[in-house]
Amino acid sequence: MISASIFEAKTNLSELLKQAQKGEVVTITSGRAKTPVARIEAIQPAAKKRLGALDTPGFILSERFFEPLPEEELKLRDGGGE
């Protein structure tokens, strides 16, 4: 773990951020007592959201997918085909 005073952090912020990106945790301290007041650490990238089959390479929806359902299927869907 790396420790830096507020002054050092202001002066060397770019370098401290590079260290954080490499996996280091940087603690920012305040005053002569070196009291920890903040921490700099890398943020893990968010996992990509998958949309099931729609996210599969080569998957193509047929134009028929967007056509209205036939009347018989609508009745079945709505419970009226019984």
PDB file of N, CA and C in Angstrom:
ATOM      1  N   MET A   1       0.855  -1.176   0.000  1.00  0.00           N
ATOM      2  CA  MET A   1       0.000   0.000   0.000  1.00  0.00           C
ATOM      3  C   MET A   1       0.899   1.237   0.000  1.00  0.00           C
ATOM      4  N   ILE A   2       0.486   2.235  -0.764  1.00  0.00           N
ATOM      5  CA  ILE A   2       1.228   3.487  -0.874  1.00  0.00           C
ATOM      6  C   ILE A   2       0.526   4.534  -0.016  1.00  0.00           C
ATOM      7  N   SER A   3       1.307   5.377   0.639  1.00  0.00           N
ATOM      8  CA  SER A   3       0.763   6.450   1.451  1.00  0.00           C
ATOM      9  C   SER A   3       1.331   7.773   0.951  1.00  0.00           C
ATOM     10  N   ALA A   4       0.478   8.793   0.890  1.00  0.00           N
ATOM     11  CA  ALA A   4       0.921  10.119   0.445  1.00  0.00           C
ATOM     12  C   ALA A   4       0.156  11.182   1.217  1.00  0.00           C
ATOM     13  N   SER A   5       0.839  12.274   1.554  1.00  0.00           N
ATOM     14  CA  SER A   5       0.163  13.391   2.212  1.00  0.00           C
ATOM     15  C   SER A   5      -0.720  14.100   1.187  1.00  0.00           C
ATOM     16  N   ILE A   6      -1.575  14.962   1.655  1.00  0.00           N
ATOM     17  CA  ILE A   6      -2.444  15.704   0.745  1.00  0.00           C
ATOM     18  C   ILE A   6      -1.596  16.510  -0.245  1.00  0.00           C
ATOM     19  N   PHE A   7      -0.541  17.152   0.242  1.00  0.00           N
ATOM     20  CA  PHE A   7       0.347  17.924  -0.637  1.00  0.00           C
ATOM     21  C   PHE A   7       0.985  17.012  -1.688  1.00  0.00           C
ATOM     22  N   GLU A   8       1.507  15.853  -1.261  1.00  0.00           N
ATOM     23  CA  GLU A   8       2.129  14.919  -2.201  1.00  0.00           C
ATOM     24  C   GLU A   8       1.113  14.409  -3.225  1.00  0.00           C
ATOM     25  N   ALA A   9      -0.097  14.171  -2.760  1.00  0.00           N
ATOM     26  CA  ALA A   9      -1.139  13.686  -3.667  1.00  0.00           C
ATOM     27  C   ALA A   9      -1.490  14.740  -4.715  1.00  0.00           C
ATOM     28  N   LYS A  10      -1.578  15.993  -4.300  1.00  0.00           N
ATOM     29  CA  LYS A  10      -1.868  17.068  -5.255  1.00  0.00           C
ATOM     30  C   LYS A  10      -0.738  17.206  -6.266  1.00  0.00           C
ATOM     31  N   THR A  11       0.481  17.082  -5.792  1.00  0.00           N
ATOM     32  CA  THR A  11       1.647  17.243  -6.649  1.00  0.00           C
ATOM     33  C   THR A  11       1.827  16.069  -7.609  1.00  0.00           C
ATOM     34  N   ASN A  12       1.510  14.853  -7.154  1.00  0.00           N
ATOM     35  CA  ASN A  12       1.796  13.641  -7.928  1.00  0.00           C
ATOM     36  C   ASN A  12       0.545  12.844  -8.274  1.00  0.00           C
ATOM     37  N   LEU A  13      -0.577  13.506  -8.449  1.00  0.00           N
ATOM     38  CA  LEU A  13      -1.842  12.799  -8.669  1.00  0.00           C
ATOM     39  C   LEU A  13      -1.778  11.850  -9.867  1.00  0.00           C
ATOM     40  N   SER A  14      -1.221  12.287 -10.977  1.00  0.00           N
ATOM     41  CA  SER A  14      -1.153  11.429 -12.164  1.00  0.00           C
ATOM     42  C   SER A  14      -0.399  10.142 -11.877  1.00  0.00           C
ATOM     43  N   GLU A  15       0.724  10.241 -11.197  1.00  0.00           N
ATOM     44  CA  GLU A  15       1.518   9.056 -10.879  1.00  0.00           C
ATOM     45  C   GLU A  15       0.775   8.147  -9.906  1.00  0.00           C
ATOM     46  N   LEU A  16       0.100   8.736  -8.924  1.00  0.00           N
ATOM     47  CA  LEU A  16      -0.654   7.931  -7.968  1.00  0.00           C
ATOM     48  C   LEU A  16      -1.806   7.202  -8.657  1.00  0.00           C
ATOM     49  N   LEU A  17      -2.437   7.848  -9.623  1.00  0.00           N
ATOM     50  CA  LEU A  17      -3.514   7.198 -10.376  1.00  0.00           C
ATOM     51  C   LEU A  17      -2.970   6.037 -11.199  1.00  0.00           C
ATOM     52  N   LYS A  18      -1.793   6.198 -11.775  1.00  0.00           N
ATOM     53  CA  LYS A  18      -1.171   5.101 -12.527  1.00  0.00           C
ATOM     54  C   LYS A  18      -0.909   3.915 -11.608  1.00  0.00           C
ATOM     55  N   GLN A  19      -0.438   4.197 -10.403  1.00  0.00           N
ATOM     56  CA  GLN A  19      -0.178   3.127  -9.440  1.00  0.00           C
ATOM     57  C   GLN A  19      -1.480   2.410  -9.066  1.00  0.00           C
ATOM     58  N   ALA A  20      -2.543   3.181  -8.900  1.00  0.00           N
ATOM     59  CA  ALA A  20      -3.841   2.585  -8.576  1.00  0.00           C
ATOM     60  C   ALA A  20      -4.322   1.691  -9.713  1.00  0.00           C
ATOM     61  N   GLN A  21      -4.114   2.123 -10.946  1.00  0.00           N
ATOM     62  CA  GLN A  21      -4.516   1.311 -12.093  1.00  0.00           C
ATOM     63  C   GLN A  21      -3.741  -0.002 -12.150  1.00  0.00           C
ATOM     64  N   LYS A  22      -2.558  -0.019 -11.585  1.00  0.00           N
ATOM     65  CA  LYS A  22      -1.745  -1.237 -11.543  1.00  0.00           C
ATOM     66  C   LYS A  22      -2.145  -2.142 -10.378  1.00  0.00           C
ATOM     67  N   GLY A  23      -3.117  -1.715  -9.582  1.00  0.00           N
ATOM     68  CA  GLY A  23      -3.600  -2.537  -8.481  1.00  0.00           C
ATOM     69  C   GLY A  23      -3.197  -2.074  -7.096  1.00  0.00           C
ATOM     70  N   GLU A  24      -2.385  -1.031  -7.008  1.00  0.00           N
ATOM     71  CA  GLU A  24      -1.983  -0.502  -5.707  1.00  0.00           C
ATOM     72  C   GLU A  24      -3.142   0.265  -5.067  1.00  0.00           C
ATOM     73  N   VAL A  25      -3.169   0.292  -3.752  1.00  0.00           N
ATOM     74  CA  VAL A  25      -4.110   1.129  -3.016  1.00  0.00           C
ATOM     75  C   VAL A  25      -3.305   2.277  -2.441  1.00  0.00           C
ATOM     76  N   VAL A  26      -3.753   3.507  -2.713  1.00  0.00           N
ATOM     77  CA  VAL A  26      -3.041   4.705  -2.253  1.00  0.00           C
ATOM     78  C   VAL A  26      -3.856   5.347  -1.138  1.00  0.00           C
ATOM     79  N   THR A  27      -3.231   5.523   0.022  1.00  0.00           N
ATOM     80  CA  THR A  27      -3.892   6.180   1.144  1.00  0.00           C
ATOM     81  C   THR A  27      -3.412   7.619   1.223  1.00  0.00           C
ATOM     82  N   ILE A  28      -4.357   8.548   1.277  1.00  0.00           N
ATOM     83  CA  ILE A  28      -4.037   9.974   1.413  1.00  0.00           C
ATOM     84  C   ILE A  28      -4.137  10.310   2.902  1.00  0.00           C
ATOM     85  N   THR A  29      -3.079  10.926   3.418  1.00  0.00           N
ATOM     86  CA  THR A  29      -3.035  11.254   4.844  1.00  0.00           C
ATOM     87  C   THR A  29      -3.068  12.767   5.061  1.00  0.00           C
ATOM     88  N   SER A  30      -3.485  13.145   6.261  1.00  0.00           N
ATOM     89  CA  SER A  30      -3.607  14.554   6.605  1.00  0.00           C
ATOM     90  C   SER A  30      -2.780  14.860   7.844  1.00  0.00           C
ATOM     91  N   GLY A  31      -2.167  15.997   7.838  1.00  0.00           N
ATOM     92  CA  GLY A  31      -1.471  16.482   9.029  1.00  0.00           C
ATOM     93  C   GLY A  31      -0.221  15.709   9.383  1.00  0.00           C
ATOM     94  N   ARG A  32       0.398  16.145  10.456  1.00  0.00           N
ATOM     95  CA  ARG A  32       1.649  15.525  10.904  1.00  0.00           C
ATOM     96  C   ARG A  32       1.425  14.134  11.482  1.00  0.00           C
ATOM     97  N   ALA A  33       0.216  13.881  11.957  1.00  0.00           N
ATOM     98  CA  ALA A  33      -0.081  12.572  12.548  1.00  0.00           C
ATOM     99  C   ALA A  33      -0.303  11.516  11.465  1.00  0.00           C
ATOM    100  N   LYS A  34      -0.285  11.959  10.238  1.00  0.00           N
ATOM    101  CA  LYS A  34      -0.472  11.053   9.100  1.00  0.00           C
ATOM    102  C   LYS A  34      -1.789  10.275   9.221  1.00  0.00           C
ATOM    103  N   THR A  35      -2.836  10.974   9.622  1.00  0.00           N
ATOM    104  CA  THR A  35      -4.150  10.358   9.751  1.00  0.00           C
ATOM    105  C   THR A  35      -4.738  10.079   8.364  1.00  0.00           C
ATOM    106  N   PRO A  36      -5.130   8.843   8.076  1.00  0.00           N
ATOM    107  CA  PRO A  36      -5.718   8.538   6.771  1.00  0.00           C
ATOM    108  C   PRO A  36      -7.049   9.277   6.595  1.00  0.00           C
ATOM    109  N   VAL A  37      -7.215   9.922   5.435  1.00  0.00           N
ATOM    110  CA  VAL A  37      -8.457  10.655   5.173  1.00  0.00           C
ATOM    111  C   VAL A  37      -9.140  10.207   3.880  1.00  0.00           C
ATOM    112  N   ALA A  38      -8.402   9.546   3.001  1.00  0.00           N
ATOM    113  CA  ALA A  38      -8.993   9.110   1.733  1.00  0.00           C
ATOM    114  C   ALA A  38      -8.170   7.968   1.165  1.00  0.00           C
ATOM    115  N   ARG A  39      -8.777   7.294   0.194  1.00  0.00           N
ATOM    116  CA  ARG A  39      -8.089   6.181  -0.453  1.00  0.00           C
ATOM    117  C   ARG A  39      -8.341   6.255  -1.961  1.00  0.00           C
ATOM    118  N   ILE A  40      -7.312   5.976  -2.740  1.00  0.00           N
ATOM    119  CA  ILE A  40      -7.433   5.904  -4.193  1.00  0.00           C
ATOM    120  C   ILE A  40      -7.193   4.453  -4.582  1.00  0.00           C
ATOM    121  N   GLU A  41      -8.153   3.875  -5.290  1.00  0.00           N
ATOM    122  CA  GLU A  41      -7.974   2.524  -5.798  1.00  0.00           C
ATOM    123  C   GLU A  41      -8.706   2.399  -7.129  1.00  0.00           C
ATOM    124  N   ALA A  42      -8.267   1.449  -7.929  1.00  0.00           N
ATOM    125  CA  ALA A  42      -8.855   1.269  -9.255  1.00  0.00           C
ATOM    126  C   ALA A  42     -10.297   0.800  -9.137  1.00  0.00           C
ATOM    127  N   ILE A  43     -11.106   1.234 -10.073  1.00  0.00           N
ATOM    128  CA  ILE A  43     -12.489   0.781 -10.177  1.00  0.00           C
ATOM    129  C   ILE A  43     -12.517  -0.350 -11.195  1.00  0.00           C
ATOM    130  N   GLN A  44     -13.111  -1.462 -10.812  1.00  0.00           N
ATOM    131  CA  GLN A  44     -13.212  -2.580 -11.735  1.00  0.00           C
ATOM    132  C   GLN A  44     -14.255  -2.241 -12.797  1.00  0.00           C
ATOM    133  N   PRO A  45     -13.951  -2.496 -14.060  1.00  0.00           N
ATOM    134  CA  PRO A  45     -14.940  -2.200 -15.107  1.00  0.00           C
ATOM    135  C   PRO A  45     -16.200  -3.028 -14.907  1.00  0.00           C
ATOM    136  N   ALA A  46     -17.328  -2.413 -15.182  1.00  0.00           N
ATOM    137  CA  ALA A  46     -18.601  -3.119 -15.054  1.00  0.00           C
ATOM    138  C   ALA A  46     -18.672  -4.250 -16.069  1.00  0.00           C
ATOM    139  N   ALA A  47     -19.260  -5.345 -15.643  1.00  0.00           N
ATOM    140  CA  ALA A  47     -19.426  -6.473 -16.555  1.00  0.00           C
ATOM    141  C   ALA A  47     -20.392  -6.089 -17.670  1.00  0.00           C
ATOM    142  N   LYS A  48     -20.099  -6.558 -18.869  1.00  0.00           N
ATOM    143  CA  LYS A  48     -20.990  -6.272 -19.988  1.00  0.00           C
ATOM    144  C   LYS A  48     -22.295  -7.034 -19.802  1.00  0.00           C
ATOM    145  N   LYS A  49     -23.374  -6.356 -20.083  1.00  0.00           N
ATOM    146  CA  LYS A  49     -24.682  -6.998 -19.992  1.00  0.00           C
ATOM    147  C   LYS A  49     -24.964  -7.720 -21.300  1.00  0.00           C
ATOM    148  N   ARG A  50     -25.389  -8.955 -21.167  1.00  0.00           N
ATOM    149  CA  ARG A  50     -25.725  -9.748 -22.349  1.00  0.00           C
ATOM    150  C   ARG A  50     -27.235  -9.760 -22.517  1.00  0.00           C
ATOM    151  N   LEU A  51     -27.652  -9.764 -23.732  1.00  0.00           N
ATOM    152  CA  LEU A  51     -29.078  -9.787 -24.033  1.00  0.00           C
ATOM    153  C   LEU A  51     -29.494 -11.158 -24.554  1.00  0.00           C
ATOM    154  N   GLY A  52     -28.975 -12.194 -23.969  1.00  0.00           N
ATOM    155  CA  GLY A  52     -29.340 -13.548 -24.381  1.00  0.00           C
ATOM    156  C   GLY A  52     -28.958 -13.804 -25.828  1.00  0.00           C
ATOM    157  N   ALA A  53     -29.861 -14.420 -26.570  1.00  0.00           N
ATOM    158  CA  ALA A  53     -29.584 -14.795 -27.955  1.00  0.00           C
ATOM    159  C   ALA A  53     -29.354 -13.571 -28.842  1.00  0.00           C
ATOM    160  N   LEU A  54     -29.928 -12.445 -28.476  1.00  0.00           N
ATOM    161  CA  LEU A  54     -29.766 -11.249 -29.309  1.00  0.00           C
ATOM    162  C   LEU A  54     -28.328 -10.759 -29.330  1.00  0.00           C
ATOM    163  N   ASP A  55     -27.545 -11.182 -28.342  1.00  0.00           N
ATOM    164  CA  ASP A  55     -26.149 -10.756 -28.261  1.00  0.00           C
ATOM    165  C   ASP A  55     -25.207 -11.774 -28.919  1.00  0.00           C
ATOM    166  N   THR A  56     -25.776 -12.846 -29.443  1.00  0.00           N
ATOM    167  CA  THR A  56     -24.973 -13.891 -30.067  1.00  0.00           C
ATOM    168  C   THR A  56     -24.558 -13.449 -31.471  1.00  0.00           C
ATOM    169  N   PRO A  57     -23.268 -13.503 -31.785  1.00  0.00           N
ATOM    170  CA  PRO A  57     -22.837 -13.117 -33.136  1.00  0.00           C
ATOM    171  C   PRO A  57     -23.532 -13.982 -34.183  1.00  0.00           C
ATOM    172  N   GLY A  58     -23.983 -13.354 -35.229  1.00  0.00           N
ATOM    173  CA  GLY A  58     -24.635 -14.072 -36.319  1.00  0.00           C
ATOM    174  C   GLY A  58     -26.125 -14.272 -36.130  1.00  0.00           C
ATOM    175  N   PHE A  59     -26.664 -13.901 -34.975  1.00  0.00           N
ATOM    176  CA  PHE A  59     -28.106 -14.054 -34.741  1.00  0.00           C
ATOM    177  C   PHE A  59     -28.844 -12.923 -35.427  1.00  0.00           C
ATOM    178  N   ILE A  60     -29.807 -13.260 -36.280  1.00  0.00           N
ATOM    179  CA  ILE A  60     -30.564 -12.258 -37.034  1.00  0.00           C
ATOM    180  C   ILE A  60     -32.048 -12.529 -36.839  1.00  0.00           C
ATOM    181  N   LEU A  61     -32.785 -11.484 -36.509  1.00  0.00           N
ATOM    182  CA  LEU A  61     -34.236 -11.601 -36.395  1.00  0.00           C
ATOM    183  C   LEU A  61     -34.857 -11.535 -37.775  1.00  0.00           C
ATOM    184  N   SER A  62     -35.782 -12.421 -38.036  1.00  0.00           N
ATOM    185  CA  SER A  62     -36.507 -12.428 -39.300  1.00  0.00           C
ATOM    186  C   SER A  62     -37.441 -11.218 -39.331  1.00  0.00           C
ATOM    187  N   GLU A  63     -37.728 -10.721 -40.529  1.00  0.00           N
ATOM    188  CA  GLU A  63     -38.687  -9.610 -40.663  1.00  0.00           C
ATOM    189  C   GLU A  63     -40.055 -10.034 -40.138  1.00  0.00           C
ATOM    190  N   ARG A  64     -40.339 -11.329 -40.210  1.00  0.00           N
ATOM    191  CA  ARG A  64     -41.619 -11.854 -39.755  1.00  0.00           C
ATOM    192  C   ARG A  64     -41.810 -11.621 -38.251  1.00  0.00           C
ATOM    193  N   PHE A  65     -40.710 -11.494 -37.515  1.00  0.00           N
ATOM    194  CA  PHE A  65     -40.769 -11.261 -36.076  1.00  0.00           C
ATOM    195  C   PHE A  65     -41.555  -9.990 -35.757  1.00  0.00           C
ATOM    196  N   PHE A  66     -41.475  -8.997 -36.628  1.00  0.00           N
ATOM    197  CA  PHE A  66     -42.093  -7.701 -36.378  1.00  0.00           C
ATOM    198  C   PHE A  66     -43.520  -7.597 -36.927  1.00  0.00           C
ATOM    199  N   GLU A  67     -43.974  -8.626 -37.616  1.00  0.00           N
ATOM    200  CA  GLU A  67     -45.336  -8.604 -38.167  1.00  0.00           C
ATOM    201  C   GLU A  67     -46.341  -8.863 -37.052  1.00  0.00           C
ATOM    202  N   PRO A  68     -47.559  -8.319 -37.174  1.00  0.00           N
ATOM    203  CA  PRO A  68     -48.587  -8.575 -36.157  1.00  0.00           C
ATOM    204  C   PRO A  68     -48.924 -10.068 -36.108  1.00  0.00           C
ATOM    205  N   LEU A  69     -49.315 -10.546 -34.936  1.00  0.00           N
ATOM    206  CA  LEU A  69     -49.715 -11.939 -34.801  1.00  0.00           C
ATOM    207  C   LEU A  69     -51.051 -12.169 -35.499  1.00  0.00           C
ATOM    208  N   PRO A  70     -51.235 -13.361 -36.047  1.00  0.00           N
ATOM    209  CA  PRO A  70     -52.536 -13.678 -36.649  1.00  0.00           C
ATOM    210  C   PRO A  70     -53.633 -13.636 -35.578  1.00  0.00           C
ATOM    211  N   GLU A  71     -54.837 -13.370 -35.991  1.00  0.00           N
ATOM    212  CA  GLU A  71     -55.978 -13.227 -35.082  1.00  0.00           C
ATOM    213  C   GLU A  71     -56.153 -14.458 -34.193  1.00  0.00           C
ATOM    214  N   GLU A  72     -55.957 -15.671 -34.761  1.00  0.00           N
ATOM    215  CA  GLU A  72     -56.116 -16.908 -33.979  1.00  0.00           C
ATOM    216  C   GLU A  72     -55.115 -16.955 -32.815  1.00  0.00           C
ATOM    217  N   GLU A  73     -53.892 -16.555 -33.080  1.00  0.00           N
ATOM    218  CA  GLU A  73     -52.866 -16.584 -32.025  1.00  0.00           C
ATOM    219  C   GLU A  73     -53.142 -15.536 -30.955  1.00  0.00           C
ATOM    220  N   LEU A  74     -53.672 -14.387 -31.365  1.00  0.00           N
ATOM    221  CA  LEU A  74     -54.021 -13.358 -30.387  1.00  0.00           C
ATOM    222  C   LEU A  74     -55.114 -13.854 -29.448  1.00  0.00           C
ATOM    223  N   LYS A  75     -56.090 -14.573 -30.003  1.00  0.00           N
ATOM    224  CA  LYS A  75     -57.171 -15.110 -29.179  1.00  0.00           C
ATOM    225  C   LYS A  75     -56.625 -16.124 -28.175  1.00  0.00           C
ATOM    226  N   LEU A  76     -55.717 -16.981 -28.631  1.00  0.00           N
ATOM    227  CA  LEU A  76     -55.117 -17.972 -27.738  1.00  0.00           C
ATOM    228  C   LEU A  76     -54.315 -17.287 -26.636  1.00  0.00           C
ATOM    229  N   ARG A  77     -53.585 -16.263 -27.020  1.00  0.00           N
ATOM    230  CA  ARG A  77     -52.761 -15.535 -26.044  1.00  0.00           C
ATOM    231  C   ARG A  77     -53.639 -14.904 -24.977  1.00  0.00           C
ATOM    232  N   ASP A  78     -54.773 -14.366 -25.391  1.00  0.00           N
ATOM    233  CA  ASP A  78     -55.657 -13.663 -24.458  1.00  0.00           C
ATOM    234  C   ASP A  78     -56.611 -14.590 -23.728  1.00  0.00           C
ATOM    235  N   GLY A  79     -56.487 -15.922 -23.955  1.00  0.00           N
ATOM    236  CA  GLY A  79     -57.339 -16.872 -23.254  1.00  0.00           C
ATOM    237  C   GLY A  79     -58.704 -17.052 -23.885  1.00  0.00           C
ATOM    238  N   GLY A  80     -58.899 -16.543 -25.091  1.00  0.00           N
ATOM    239  CA  GLY A  80     -60.210 -16.638 -25.726  1.00  0.00           C
ATOM    240  C   GLY A  80     -60.337 -17.804 -26.684  1.00  0.00           C
ATOM    241  N   GLY A  81     -59.331 -18.646 -26.799  1.00  0.00           N
ATOM    242  CA  GLY A  81     -59.392 -19.745 -27.768  1.00  0.00           C
ATOM    243  C   GLY A  81     -59.879 -21.036 -27.172  1.00  0.00           C
ATOM    244  N   GLU A  82     -60.328 -21.001 -25.935  1.00  0.00           N
ATOM    245  CA  GLU A  82     -60.748 -22.245 -25.278  1.00  0.00           C
ATOM    246  C   GLU A  82     -62.193 -22.540 -25.516  1.00  0.00           C
TER     247      GLU A  82
END
